[in-house]
PDB file of N, CA and C in Angstrom:
ATOM      1  N   MET A   1       0.844  -1.186   0.000  1.00  0.00           N
ATOM      2  CA  MET A   1       0.000   0.000   0.000  1.00  0.00           C
ATOM      3  C   MET A   1       0.881   1.238   0.000  1.00  0.00           C
ATOM      4  N   LYS A   2       0.444   2.267  -0.708  1.00  0.00           N
ATOM      5  CA  LYS A   2       1.194   3.517  -0.783  1.00  0.00           C
ATOM      6  C   LYS A   2       0.221   4.690  -0.720  1.00  0.00           C
ATOM      7  N   ILE A   3       0.708   5.766  -0.123  1.00  0.00           N
ATOM      8  CA  ILE A   3      -0.035   7.035  -0.147  1.00  0.00           C
ATOM      9  C   ILE A   3       0.951   8.141  -0.450  1.00  0.00           C
ATOM     10  N   ARG A   4       0.471   9.215  -1.068  1.00  0.00           N
ATOM     11  CA  ARG A   4       1.295  10.399  -1.316  1.00  0.00           C
ATOM     12  C   ARG A   4       0.866  11.469  -0.325  1.00  0.00           C
ATOM     13  N   VAL A   5       1.873  12.074   0.369  1.00  0.00           N
ATOM     14  CA  VAL A   5       1.627  13.130   1.356  1.00  0.00           C
ATOM     15  C   VAL A   5       2.612  14.271   1.121  1.00  0.00           C
ATOM     16  N   HIS A   6       2.353  15.407   1.727  1.00  0.00           N
ATOM     17  CA  HIS A   6       3.333  16.495   1.750  1.00  0.00           C
ATOM     18  C   HIS A   6       3.330  17.116   3.146  1.00  0.00           C
ATOM     19  N   ALA A   7       4.461  17.690   3.503  1.00  0.00           N
ATOM     20  CA  ALA A   7       4.615  18.291   4.823  1.00  0.00           C
ATOM     21  C   ALA A   7       4.147  19.742   4.808  1.00  0.00           C
ATOM     22  N   VAL A   8       3.619  20.174   5.930  1.00  0.00           N
ATOM     23  CA  VAL A   8       3.155  21.544   6.099  1.00  0.00           C
ATOM     24  C   VAL A   8       3.674  22.057   7.435  1.00  0.00           C
ATOM     25  N   ASP A   9       4.197  23.279   7.434  1.00  0.00           N
ATOM     26  CA  ASP A   9       4.579  23.966   8.662  1.00  0.00           C
ATOM     27  C   ASP A   9       3.609  25.113   8.884  1.00  0.00           C
ATOM     28  N   ASN A  10       2.957  25.133  10.013  1.00  0.00           N
ATOM     29  CA  ASN A  10       2.134  26.273  10.422  1.00  0.00           C
ATOM     30  C   ASN A  10       2.930  27.039  11.461  1.00  0.00           C
ATOM     31  N   VAL A  11       3.269  28.285  11.153  1.00  0.00           N
ATOM     32  CA  VAL A  11       4.084  29.090  12.056  1.00  0.00           C
ATOM     33  C   VAL A  11       3.379  30.423  12.284  1.00  0.00           C
ATOM     34  N   ASN A  12       3.254  30.785  13.522  1.00  0.00           N
ATOM     35  CA  ASN A  12       2.702  32.086  13.866  1.00  0.00           C
ATOM     36  C   ASN A  12       3.860  33.077  13.915  1.00  0.00           C
ATOM     37  N   VAL A  13       3.882  34.032  12.971  1.00  0.00           N
ATOM     38  CA  VAL A  13       4.972  35.002  12.898  1.00  0.00           C
ATOM     39  C   VAL A  13       4.403  36.408  13.109  1.00  0.00           C
ATOM     40  N   VAL A  14       5.043  37.140  13.997  1.00  0.00           N
ATOM     41  CA  VAL A  14       4.687  38.545  14.204  1.00  0.00           C
ATOM     42  C   VAL A  14       5.916  39.363  13.842  1.00  0.00           C
ATOM     43  N   ARG A  15       5.767  40.234  12.833  1.00  0.00           N
ATOM     44  CA  ARG A  15       6.865  41.115  12.424  1.00  0.00           C
ATOM     45  C   ARG A  15       6.466  42.544  12.729  1.00  0.00           C
ATOM     46  N   GLU A  16       7.316  43.230  13.458  1.00  0.00           N
ATOM     47  CA  GLU A  16       7.065  44.620  13.827  1.00  0.00           C
ATOM     48  C   GLU A  16       8.071  45.493  13.089  1.00  0.00           C
ATOM     49  N   PHE A  17       7.578  46.586  12.519  1.00  0.00           N
ATOM     50  CA  PHE A  17       8.405  47.454  11.695  1.00  0.00           C
ATOM     51  C   PHE A  17       8.604  48.805  12.384  1.00  0.00           C
ATOM     52  N   GLU A  18       9.551  49.583  11.862  1.00  0.00           N
ATOM     53  CA  GLU A  18       9.814  50.915  12.422  1.00  0.00           C
ATOM     54  C   GLU A  18       8.544  51.756  12.429  1.00  0.00           C
ATOM     55  N   SER A  19       8.407  52.562  13.466  1.00  0.00           N
ATOM     56  CA  SER A  19       7.253  53.457  13.542  1.00  0.00           C
ATOM     57  C   SER A  19       7.464  54.660  12.628  1.00  0.00           C
ATOM     58  N   PHE A  20       6.375  55.314  12.287  1.00  0.00           N
ATOM     59  CA  PHE A  20       6.440  56.536  11.483  1.00  0.00           C
ATOM     60  C   PHE A  20       5.325  57.465  11.928  1.00  0.00           C
ATOM     61  N   VAL A  21       5.461  58.737  11.621  1.00  0.00           N
ATOM     62  CA  VAL A  21       4.508  59.761  12.055  1.00  0.00           C
ATOM     63  C   VAL A  21       3.602  60.139  10.891  1.00  0.00           C
ATOM     64  N   ILE A  22       2.310  60.128  11.160  1.00  0.00           N
ATOM     65  CA  ILE A  22       1.332  60.609  10.187  1.00  0.00           C
ATOM     66  C   ILE A  22       0.981  62.034  10.595  1.00  0.00           C
ATOM     67  N   ASP A  23       1.390  62.989   9.790  1.00  0.00           N
ATOM     68  CA  ASP A  23       1.235  64.410  10.097  1.00  0.00           C
ATOM     69  C   ASP A  23       0.075  64.980   9.273  1.00  0.00           C
ATOM     70  N   THR A  24      -0.961  65.442   9.976  1.00  0.00           N
ATOM     71  CA  THR A  24      -2.120  65.982   9.255  1.00  0.00           C
ATOM     72  C   THR A  24      -1.834  67.353   8.644  1.00  0.00           C
ATOM     73  N   GLN A  25      -0.730  67.984   9.036  1.00  0.00           N
ATOM     74  CA  GLN A  25      -0.331  69.224   8.351  1.00  0.00           C
ATOM     75  C   GLN A  25       0.082  68.888   6.918  1.00  0.00           C
ATOM     76  N   ARG A  26       0.788  67.788   6.758  1.00  0.00           N
ATOM     77  CA  ARG A  26       1.244  67.376   5.429  1.00  0.00           C
ATOM     78  C   ARG A  26       0.149  66.634   4.659  1.00  0.00           C
ATOM     79  N   TYR A  27      -0.666  65.882   5.391  1.00  0.00           N
ATOM     80  CA  TYR A  27      -1.741  65.092   4.762  1.00  0.00           C
ATOM     81  C   TYR A  27      -3.080  65.462   5.401  1.00  0.00           C
ATOM     82  N   PRO A  28      -3.614  66.626   5.076  1.00  0.00           N
ATOM     83  CA  PRO A  28      -4.867  67.063   5.710  1.00  0.00           C
ATOM     84  C   PRO A  28      -6.055  66.136   5.412  1.00  0.00           C
ATOM     85  N   GLU A  29      -5.961  65.366   4.347  1.00  0.00           N
ATOM     86  CA  GLU A  29      -7.038  64.437   4.002  1.00  0.00           C
ATOM     87  C   GLU A  29      -7.208  63.346   5.051  1.00  0.00           C
ATOM     88  N   LEU A  30      -6.182  63.142   5.879  1.00  0.00           N
ATOM     89  CA  LEU A  30      -6.223  62.092   6.898  1.00  0.00           C
ATOM     90  C   LEU A  30      -6.697  62.602   8.266  1.00  0.00           C
ATOM     91  N   ARG A  31      -7.073  63.898   8.333  1.00  0.00           N
ATOM     92  CA  ARG A  31      -7.506  64.477   9.607  1.00  0.00           C
ATOM     93  C   ARG A  31      -8.660  63.716  10.260  1.00  0.00           C
ATOM     94  N   PRO A  32      -9.718  63.379   9.526  1.00  0.00           N
ATOM     95  CA  PRO A  32     -10.833  62.677  10.197  1.00  0.00           C
ATOM     96  C   PRO A  32     -10.409  61.349  10.838  1.00  0.00           C
ATOM     97  N   GLU A  33      -9.560  60.610  10.163  1.00  0.00           N
ATOM     98  CA  GLU A  33      -9.116  59.320  10.694  1.00  0.00           C
ATOM     99  C   GLU A  33      -8.191  59.500  11.903  1.00  0.00           C
ATOM    100  N   VAL A  34      -7.268  60.463  11.821  1.00  0.00           N
ATOM    101  CA  VAL A  34      -6.374  60.736  12.944  1.00  0.00           C
ATOM    102  C   VAL A  34      -7.190  61.222  14.140  1.00  0.00           C
ATOM    103  N   ARG A  35      -8.134  62.098  13.882  1.00  0.00           N
ATOM    104  CA  ARG A  35      -8.999  62.618  14.955  1.00  0.00           C
ATOM    105  C   ARG A  35      -9.778  61.480  15.621  1.00  0.00           C
ATOM    106  N   ALA A  36     -10.295  60.551  14.823  1.00  0.00           N
ATOM    107  CA  ALA A  36     -11.064  59.427  15.363  1.00  0.00           C
ATOM    108  C   ALA A  36     -10.188  58.525  16.236  1.00  0.00           C
ATOM    109  N   ILE A  37      -8.949  58.302  15.818  1.00  0.00           N
ATOM    110  CA  ILE A  37      -8.023  57.466  16.596  1.00  0.00           C
ATOM    111  C   ILE A  37      -7.690  58.134  17.924  1.00  0.00           C
ATOM    112  N   ILE A  38      -7.386  59.428  17.892  1.00  0.00           N
ATOM    113  CA  ILE A  38      -7.046  60.158  19.117  1.00  0.00           C
ATOM    114  C   ILE A  38      -8.234  60.156  20.081  1.00  0.00           C
ATOM    115  N   LYS A  39      -9.427  60.422  19.555  1.00  0.00           N
ATOM    116  CA  LYS A  39     -10.638  60.449  20.387  1.00  0.00           C
ATOM    117  C   LYS A  39     -10.890  59.085  21.016  1.00  0.00           C
ATOM    118  N   ALA A  40     -10.798  58.035  20.229  1.00  0.00           N
ATOM    119  CA  ALA A  40     -11.044  56.680  20.736  1.00  0.00           C
ATOM    120  C   ALA A  40     -10.028  56.315  21.816  1.00  0.00           C
ATOM    121  N   ASP A  41      -8.764  56.662  21.608  1.00  0.00           N
ATOM    122  CA  ASP A  41      -7.732  56.363  22.599  1.00  0.00           C
ATOM    123  C   ASP A  41      -7.997  57.100  23.905  1.00  0.00           C
ATOM    124  N   ARG A  42      -8.368  58.355  23.811  1.00  0.00           N
ATOM    125  CA  ARG A  42      -8.644  59.158  25.016  1.00  0.00           C
ATOM    126  C   ARG A  42      -9.865  58.651  25.776  1.00  0.00           C
ATOM    127  N   GLU A  43     -10.813  58.049  25.035  1.00  0.00           N
ATOM    128  CA  GLU A  43     -12.034  57.549  25.669  1.00  0.00           C
ATOM    129  C   GLU A  43     -11.896  56.099  26.128  1.00  0.00           C
ATOM    130  N   GLY A  44     -10.687  55.544  26.015  1.00  0.00           N
ATOM    131  CA  GLY A  44     -10.449  54.189  26.516  1.00  0.00           C
ATOM    132  C   GLY A  44     -10.960  53.081  25.612  1.00  0.00           C
ATOM    133  N   ALA A  45     -10.887  53.290  24.330  1.00  0.00           N
ATOM    134  CA  ALA A  45     -11.342  52.272  23.379  1.00  0.00           C
ATOM    135  C   ALA A  45     -10.552  50.976  23.564  1.00  0.00           C
ATOM    136  N   SER A  46     -11.164  49.886  23.197  1.00  0.00           N
ATOM    137  CA  SER A  46     -10.501  48.580  23.307  1.00  0.00           C
ATOM    138  C   SER A  46      -9.435  48.458  22.219  1.00  0.00           C
ATOM    139  N   PRO A  47      -8.467  47.563  22.417  1.00  0.00           N
ATOM    140  CA  PRO A  47      -7.459  47.343  21.379  1.00  0.00           C
ATOM    141  C   PRO A  47      -8.075  46.973  20.038  1.00  0.00           C
ATOM    142  N   ARG A  48      -9.141  46.212  20.067  1.00  0.00           N
ATOM    143  CA  ARG A  48      -9.821  45.817  18.820  1.00  0.00           C
ATOM    144  C   ARG A  48     -10.409  47.037  18.103  1.00  0.00           C
ATOM    145  N   GLN A  49     -10.990  47.961  18.865  1.00  0.00           N
ATOM    146  CA  GLN A  49     -11.549  49.171  18.270  1.00  0.00           C
ATOM    147  C   GLN A  49     -10.441  50.041  17.664  1.00  0.00           C
ATOM    148  N   LEU A  50      -9.328  50.170  18.385  1.00  0.00           N
ATOM    149  CA  LEU A  50      -8.208  50.958  17.860  1.00  0.00           C
ATOM    150  C   LEU A  50      -7.615  50.305  16.619  1.00  0.00           C
ATOM    151  N   LEU A  51      -7.529  48.992  16.609  1.00  0.00           N
ATOM    152  CA  LEU A  51      -7.022  48.285  15.440  1.00  0.00           C
ATOM    153  C   LEU A  51      -7.911  48.555  14.218  1.00  0.00           C
ATOM    154  N   ALA A  52      -9.215  48.527  14.414  1.00  0.00           N
ATOM    155  CA  ALA A  52     -10.144  48.801  13.313  1.00  0.00           C
ATOM    156  C   ALA A  52      -9.958  50.224  12.777  1.00  0.00           C
ATOM    157  N   LEU A  53      -9.759  51.189  13.668  1.00  0.00           N
ATOM    158  CA  LEU A  53      -9.541  52.568  13.235  1.00  0.00           C
ATOM    159  C   LEU A  53      -8.207  52.708  12.491  1.00  0.00           C
ATOM    160  N   CYS A  54      -7.194  51.996  12.958  1.00  0.00           N
ATOM    161  CA  CYS A  54      -5.893  52.028  12.274  1.00  0.00           C
ATOM    162  C   CYS A  54      -5.994  51.371  10.896  1.00  0.00           C
ATOM    163  N   GLU A  55      -6.814  50.344  10.769  1.00  0.00           N
ATOM    164  CA  GLU A  55      -7.045  49.727   9.459  1.00  0.00           C
ATOM    165  C   GLU A  55      -7.738  50.725   8.523  1.00  0.00           C
ATOM    166  N   ASP A  56      -8.664  51.510   9.067  1.00  0.00           N
ATOM    167  CA  ASP A  56      -9.345  52.524   8.254  1.00  0.00           C
ATOM    168  C   ASP A  56      -8.352  53.535   7.702  1.00  0.00           C
ATOM    169  N   ILE A  57      -7.437  54.014   8.549  1.00  0.00           N
ATOM    170  CA  ILE A  57      -6.479  55.015   8.080  1.00  0.00           C
ATOM    171  C   ILE A  57      -5.502  54.388   7.082  1.00  0.00           C
ATOM    172  N   ARG A  58      -5.134  53.130   7.299  1.00  0.00           N
ATOM    173  CA  ARG A  58      -4.248  52.454   6.345  1.00  0.00           C
ATOM    174  C   ARG A  58      -4.923  52.347   4.976  1.00  0.00           C
ATOM    175  N   ASP A  59      -6.200  51.975   4.980  1.00  0.00           N
ATOM    176  CA  ASP A  59      -6.932  51.879   3.712  1.00  0.00           C
ATOM    177  C   ASP A  59      -6.968  53.222   2.990  1.00  0.00           C
ATOM    178  N   LYS A  60      -7.211  54.290   3.741  1.00  0.00           N
ATOM    179  CA  LYS A  60      -7.263  55.616   3.128  1.00  0.00           C
ATOM    180  C   LYS A  60      -5.889  56.020   2.604  1.00  0.00           C
ATOM    181  N   MET A  61      -4.821  55.661   3.342  1.00  0.00           N
ATOM    182  CA  MET A  61      -3.459  55.980   2.894  1.00  0.00           C
ATOM    183  C   MET A  61      -3.137  55.259   1.580  1.00  0.00           C
ATOM    184  N   GLU A  62      -3.672  54.046   1.425  1.00  0.00           N
ATOM    185  CA  GLU A  62      -3.452  53.304   0.176  1.00  0.00           C
ATOM    186  C   GLU A  62      -4.177  53.962  -0.997  1.00  0.00           C
ATOM    187  N   ASP A  63      -5.334  54.561  -0.718  1.00  0.00           N
ATOM    188  CA  ASP A  63      -6.137  55.187  -1.779  1.00  0.00           C
ATOM    189  C   ASP A  63      -5.733  56.622  -2.077  1.00  0.00           C
ATOM    190  N   LEU A  64      -4.985  57.248  -1.184  1.00  0.00           N
ATOM    191  CA  LEU A  64      -4.620  58.658  -1.309  1.00  0.00           C
ATOM    192  C   LEU A  64      -3.282  58.792  -2.033  1.00  0.00           C
ATOM    193  N   ASP A  65      -3.289  59.452  -3.189  1.00  0.00           N
ATOM    194  CA  ASP A  65      -2.062  59.645  -3.964  1.00  0.00           C
ATOM    195  C   ASP A  65      -1.388  60.964  -3.600  1.00  0.00           C
ATOM    196  N   THR A  66      -0.060  60.947  -3.673  1.00  0.00           N
ATOM    197  CA  THR A  66       0.730  62.137  -3.393  1.00  0.00           C
ATOM    198  C   THR A  66       1.920  62.176  -4.352  1.00  0.00           C
ATOM    199  N   GLU A  67       2.382  63.355  -4.637  1.00  0.00           N
ATOM    200  CA  GLU A  67       3.542  63.522  -5.519  1.00  0.00           C
ATOM    201  C   GLU A  67       4.799  63.495  -4.673  1.00  0.00           C
ATOM    202  N   GLY A  68       5.681  62.553  -4.961  1.00  0.00           N
ATOM    203  CA  GLY A  68       6.919  62.434  -4.205  1.00  0.00           C
ATOM    204  C   GLY A  68       8.114  62.405  -5.134  1.00  0.00           C
ATOM    205  N   PRO A  69       9.284  62.072  -4.600  1.00  0.00           N
ATOM    206  CA  PRO A  69      10.509  62.060  -5.409  1.00  0.00           C
ATOM    207  C   PRO A  69      10.476  61.012  -6.527  1.00  0.00           C
ATOM    208  N   PHE A  70       9.604  60.011  -6.382  1.00  0.00           N
ATOM    209  CA  PHE A  70       9.516  58.967  -7.402  1.00  0.00           C
ATOM    210  C   PHE A  70       8.234  59.071  -8.219  1.00  0.00           C
ATOM    211  N   GLY A  71       7.631  60.250  -8.223  1.00  0.00           N
ATOM    212  CA  GLY A  71       6.404  60.455  -8.979  1.00  0.00           C
ATOM    213  C   GLY A  71       5.175  60.252  -8.113  1.00  0.00           C
ATOM    214  N   LEU A  72       4.049  60.016  -8.756  1.00  0.00           N
ATOM    215  CA  LEU A  72       2.770  59.851  -8.070  1.00  0.00           C
ATOM    216  C   LEU A  72       2.705  58.465  -7.432  1.00  0.00           C
ATOM    217  N   ARG A  73       2.527  58.451  -6.114  1.00  0.00           N
ATOM    218  CA  ARG A  73       2.434  57.200  -5.365  1.00  0.00           C
ATOM    219  C   ARG A  73       1.398  57.374  -4.269  1.00  0.00           C
ATOM    220  N   SER A  74       0.965  56.249  -3.702  1.00  0.00           N
ATOM    221  CA  SER A  74       0.051  56.363  -2.568  1.00  0.00           C
ATOM    222  C   SER A  74       0.852  56.812  -1.339  1.00  0.00           C
ATOM    223  N   VAL A  75       0.167  57.417  -0.394  1.00  0.00           N
ATOM    224  CA  VAL A  75       0.814  57.840   0.843  1.00  0.00           C
ATOM    225  C   VAL A  75       1.398  56.607   1.547  1.00  0.00           C
ATOM    226  N   TRP A  76       0.691  55.502   1.480  1.00  0.00           N
ATOM    227  CA  TRP A  76       1.165  54.252   2.080  1.00  0.00           C
ATOM    228  C   TRP A  76       2.512  53.845   1.497  1.00  0.00           C
ATOM    229  N   GLU A  77       2.638  53.900   0.170  1.00  0.00           N
ATOM    230  CA  GLU A  77       3.897  53.548  -0.490  1.00  0.00           C
ATOM    231  C   GLU A  77       5.004  54.539  -0.141  1.00  0.00           C
ATOM    232  N   GLU A  78       4.632  55.805   0.024  1.00  0.00           N
ATOM    233  CA  GLU A  78       5.629  56.822   0.356  1.00  0.00           C
ATOM    234  C   GLU A  78       6.305  56.529   1.697  1.00  0.00           C
ATOM    235  N   PHE A  79       5.534  56.035   2.656  1.00  0.00           N
ATOM    236  CA  PHE A  79       6.105  55.708   3.962  1.00  0.00           C
ATOM    237  C   PHE A  79       6.897  54.401   3.922  1.00  0.00           C
ATOM    238  N   ALA A  80       6.629  53.529   2.969  1.00  0.00           N
ATOM    239  CA  ALA A  80       7.297  52.226   2.863  1.00  0.00           C
ATOM    240  C   ALA A  80       7.409  51.555   4.232  1.00  0.00           C
ATOM    241  N   PRO A  81       6.264  51.307   4.872  1.00  0.00           N
ATOM    242  CA  PRO A  81       6.293  50.843   6.258  1.00  0.00           C
ATOM    243  C   PRO A  81       6.884  49.451   6.468  1.00  0.00           C
ATOM    244  N   PHE A  82       7.081  48.679   5.414  1.00  0.00           N
ATOM    245  CA  PHE A  82       7.585  47.318   5.581  1.00  0.00           C
ATOM    246  C   PHE A  82       9.059  47.172   5.215  1.00  0.00           C
ATOM    247  N   GLU A  83       9.790  48.269   5.135  1.00  0.00           N
ATOM    248  CA  GLU A  83      11.183  48.220   4.718  1.00  0.00           C
ATOM    249  C   GLU A  83      12.142  47.803   5.831  1.00  0.00           C
ATOM    250  N   SER A  84      11.866  48.194   7.060  1.00  0.00           N
ATOM    251  CA  SER A  84      12.823  47.964   8.126  1.00  0.00           C
ATOM    252  C   SER A  84      12.170  47.224   9.291  1.00  0.00           C
ATOM    253  N   VAL A  85      12.567  45.980   9.523  1.00  0.00           N
ATOM    254  CA  VAL A  85      12.006  45.164  10.593  1.00  0.00           C
ATOM    255  C   VAL A  85      12.700  45.526  11.906  1.00  0.00           C
ATOM    256  N   VAL A  86      11.903  45.825  12.918  1.00  0.00           N
ATOM    257  CA  VAL A  86      12.415  46.153  14.238  1.00  0.00           C
ATOM    258  C   VAL A  86      12.438  44.897  15.109  1.00  0.00           C
ATOM    259  N   ASN A  87      11.392  44.068  14.985  1.00  0.00           N
ATOM    260  CA  ASN A  87      11.279  42.879  15.819  1.00  0.00           C
ATOM    261  C   ASN A  87      10.581  41.786  15.018  1.00  0.00           C
ATOM    262  N   GLU A  88      11.065  40.571  15.164  1.00  0.00           N
ATOM    263  CA  GLU A  88      10.450  39.438  14.486  1.00  0.00           C
ATOM    264  C   GLU A  88      10.336  38.303  15.492  1.00  0.00           C
ATOM    265  N   ASP A  89       9.121  37.827  15.716  1.00  0.00           N
ATOM    266  CA  ASP A  89       8.879  36.797  16.719  1.00  0.00           C
ATOM    267  C   ASP A  89       8.189  35.611  16.065  1.00  0.00           C
ATOM    268  N   TYR A  90       8.858  34.479  16.109  1.00  0.00           N
ATOM    269  CA  TYR A  90       8.265  33.247  15.598  1.00  0.00           C
ATOM    270  C   TYR A  90       7.652  32.517  16.777  1.00  0.00           C
ATOM    271  N   GLY A  91       6.351  32.456  16.785  1.00  0.00           N
ATOM    272  CA  GLY A  91       5.637  31.817  17.881  1.00  0.00           C
ATOM    273  C   GLY A  91       5.548  30.323  17.688  1.00  0.00           C
ATOM    274  N   ASP A  92       4.420  29.783  18.049  1.00  0.00           N
ATOM    275  CA  ASP A  92       4.202  28.345  17.973  1.00  0.00           C
ATOM    276  C   ASP A  92       4.400  27.833  16.552  1.00  0.00           C
ATOM    277  N   GLN A  93       5.001  26.666  16.466  1.00  0.00           N
ATOM    278  CA  GLN A  93       5.188  26.020  15.174  1.00  0.00           C
ATOM    279  C   GLN A  93       4.625  24.611  15.270  1.00  0.00           C
ATOM    280  N   GLU A  94       3.896  24.230  14.261  1.00  0.00           N
ATOM    281  CA  GLU A  94       3.308  22.901  14.210  1.00  0.00           C
ATOM    282  C   GLU A  94       3.556  22.326  12.829  1.00  0.00           C
ATOM    283  N   SER A  95       4.127  21.148  12.781  1.00  0.00           N
ATOM    284  CA  SER A  95       4.371  20.477  11.506  1.00  0.00           C
ATOM    285  C   SER A  95       3.472  19.255  11.429  1.00  0.00           C
ATOM    286  N   HIS A  96       2.944  19.031  10.246  1.00  0.00           N
ATOM    287  CA  HIS A  96       2.121  17.838  10.050  1.00  0.00           C
ATOM    288  C   HIS A  96       2.130  17.436   8.579  1.00  0.00           C
ATOM    289  N   LEU A  97       1.613  16.261   8.317  1.00  0.00           N
ATOM    290  CA  LEU A  97       1.515  15.759   6.947  1.00  0.00           C
ATOM    291  C   LEU A  97       0.078  15.870   6.469  1.00  0.00           C
ATOM    292  N   VAL A  98      -0.069  16.116   5.154  1.00  0.00           N
ATOM    293  CA  VAL A  98      -1.380  16.211   4.534  1.00  0.00           C
ATOM    294  C   VAL A  98      -1.469  15.124   3.466  1.00  0.00           C
ATOM    295  N   LEU A  99      -2.533  14.330   3.500  1.00  0.00           N
ATOM    296  CA  LEU A  99      -2.738  13.285   2.505  1.00  0.00           C
ATOM    297  C   LEU A  99      -3.114  13.909   1.174  1.00  0.00           C
ATOM    298  N   GLU A 100      -2.372  13.587   0.122  1.00  0.00           N
ATOM    299  CA  GLU A 100      -2.711  14.052  -1.215  1.00  0.00           C
ATOM    300  C   GLU A 100      -3.584  13.029  -1.924  1.00  0.00           C
ATOM    301  N   LYS A 101      -3.147  11.757  -1.922  1.00  0.00           N
ATOM    302  CA  LYS A 101      -3.977  10.728  -2.537  1.00  0.00           C
ATOM    303  C   LYS A 101      -3.464   9.345  -2.163  1.00  0.00           C
ATOM    304  N   ILE A 102      -4.321   8.370  -2.328  1.00  0.00           N
ATOM    305  CA  ILE A 102      -3.953   6.977  -2.155  1.00  0.00           C
ATOM    306  C   ILE A 102      -3.479   6.478  -3.505  1.00  0.00           C
ATOM    307  N   LEU A 103      -2.339   5.808  -3.533  1.00  0.00           N
ATOM    308  CA  LEU A 103      -1.728   5.381  -4.790  1.00  0.00           C
ATOM    309  C   LEU A 103      -2.112   3.949  -5.112  1.00  0.00           C
ATOM    310  N   ASP A 104      -2.124   3.651  -6.432  1.00  0.00           N
ATOM    311  CA  ASP A 104      -2.518   2.332  -6.907  1.00  0.00           C
ATOM    312  C   ASP A 104      -1.418   1.296  -6.765  1.00  0.00           C
ATOM    313  N   GLY A 105      -0.198   1.717  -6.741  1.00  0.00           N
ATOM    314  CA  GLY A 105       0.898   0.782  -6.592  1.00  0.00           C
ATOM    315  C   GLY A 105       1.928   0.882  -7.686  1.00  0.00           C
ATOM    316  N   ASP A 106       1.625   1.487  -8.813  1.00  0.00           N
ATOM    317  CA  ASP A 106       2.568   1.599  -9.912  1.00  0.00           C
ATOM    318  C   ASP A 106       3.430   2.860  -9.828  1.00  0.00           C
ATOM    319  N   GLU A 107       3.092   3.795  -8.936  1.00  0.00           N
ATOM    320  CA  GLU A 107       3.826   5.045  -8.823  1.00  0.00           C
ATOM    321  C   GLU A 107       5.196   4.812  -8.206  1.00  0.00           C
ATOM    322  N   GLU A 108       6.143   5.657  -8.598  1.00  0.00           N
ATOM    323  CA  GLU A 108       7.519   5.549  -8.109  1.00  0.00           C
ATOM    324  C   GLU A 108       7.598   5.930  -6.632  1.00  0.00           C
ATOM    325  N   THR A 109       8.393   5.191  -5.898  1.00  0.00           N
ATOM    326  CA  THR A 109       8.595   5.460  -4.477  1.00  0.00           C
ATOM    327  C   THR A 109       9.622   6.570  -4.310  1.00  0.00           C
ATOM    328  N   THR A 110       9.381   7.455  -3.347  1.00  0.00           N
ATOM    329  CA  THR A 110      10.318   8.539  -3.054  1.00  0.00           C
ATOM    330  C   THR A 110      11.448   8.002  -2.195  1.00  0.00           C
ATOM    331  N   VAL A 111      12.678   8.323  -2.584  1.00  0.00           N
ATOM    332  CA  VAL A 111      13.843   7.913  -1.806  1.00  0.00           C
ATOM    333  C   VAL A 111      14.087   8.979  -0.744  1.00  0.00           C
ATOM    334  N   PRO A 112      14.168   8.602   0.536  1.00  0.00           N
ATOM    335  CA  PRO A 112      14.440   9.595   1.574  1.00  0.00           C
ATOM    336  C   PRO A 112      15.769  10.309   1.326  1.00  0.00           C
ATOM    337  N   TYR A 113      15.805  11.607   1.620  1.00  0.00           N
ATOM    338  CA  TYR A 113      17.013  12.411   1.377  1.00  0.00           C
ATOM    339  C   TYR A 113      18.247  11.863   2.079  1.00  0.00           C
ATOM    340  N   PHE A 114      18.069  11.332   3.293  1.00  0.00           N
ATOM    341  CA  PHE A 114      19.235  10.856   4.024  1.00  0.00           C
ATOM    342  C   PHE A 114      19.834   9.613   3.391  1.00  0.00           C
ATOM    343  N   GLN A 115      19.124   8.996   2.454  1.00  0.00           N
ATOM    344  CA  GLN A 115      19.645   7.812   1.774  1.00  0.00           C
ATOM    345  C   GLN A 115      20.223   8.128   0.397  1.00  0.00           C
ATOM    346  N   LEU A 116      20.093   9.348  -0.089  1.00  0.00           N
ATOM    347  CA  LEU A 116      20.539   9.705  -1.425  1.00  0.00           C
ATOM    348  C   LEU A 116      22.049   9.595  -1.566  1.00  0.00           C
ATOM    349  N   ASP A 117      22.806   9.962  -0.516  1.00  0.00           N
ATOM    350  CA  ASP A 117      24.258   9.934  -0.592  1.00  0.00           C
ATOM    351  C   ASP A 117      24.832   8.539  -0.418  1.00  0.00           C
ATOM    352  N   GLU A 118      24.027   7.689   0.185  1.00  0.00           N
ATOM    353  CA  GLU A 118      24.509   6.319   0.380  1.00  0.00           C
ATOM    354  C   GLU A 118      24.313   5.537  -0.903  1.00  0.00           C
ATOM    355  N   GLY A 119      25.253   4.806  -1.296  1.00  0.00           N
ATOM    356  CA  GLY A 119      25.098   4.179  -2.582  1.00  0.00           C
ATOM    357  C   GLY A 119      25.294   2.754  -2.577  1.00  0.00           C
TER     358      GLY A 119
END
């Protein structure tokens, strides 16, 4: 009997990048979103509520174009927030096999890597 499987790694990765300042003097179009974040923080909003507001401003930054040294780009691209990693944390890792199919018997058997050098 033979079966074909493949390995899968599930890894929880959290990557934190350098912080940057969103200045409403330079980007007045972002005032409503910045104002909403400041108000929510002062009123004790939950982390989930603040995350949702930050997602709103990120979406608007992606849609908002600005003229920069490289031509017309979104405000999000101008900040290039994913260029410099400050912290990277690999959490839980789980490896397992996934069944692809049951084989009839005529398929070629895979030689384990540790046996390839042995002859």
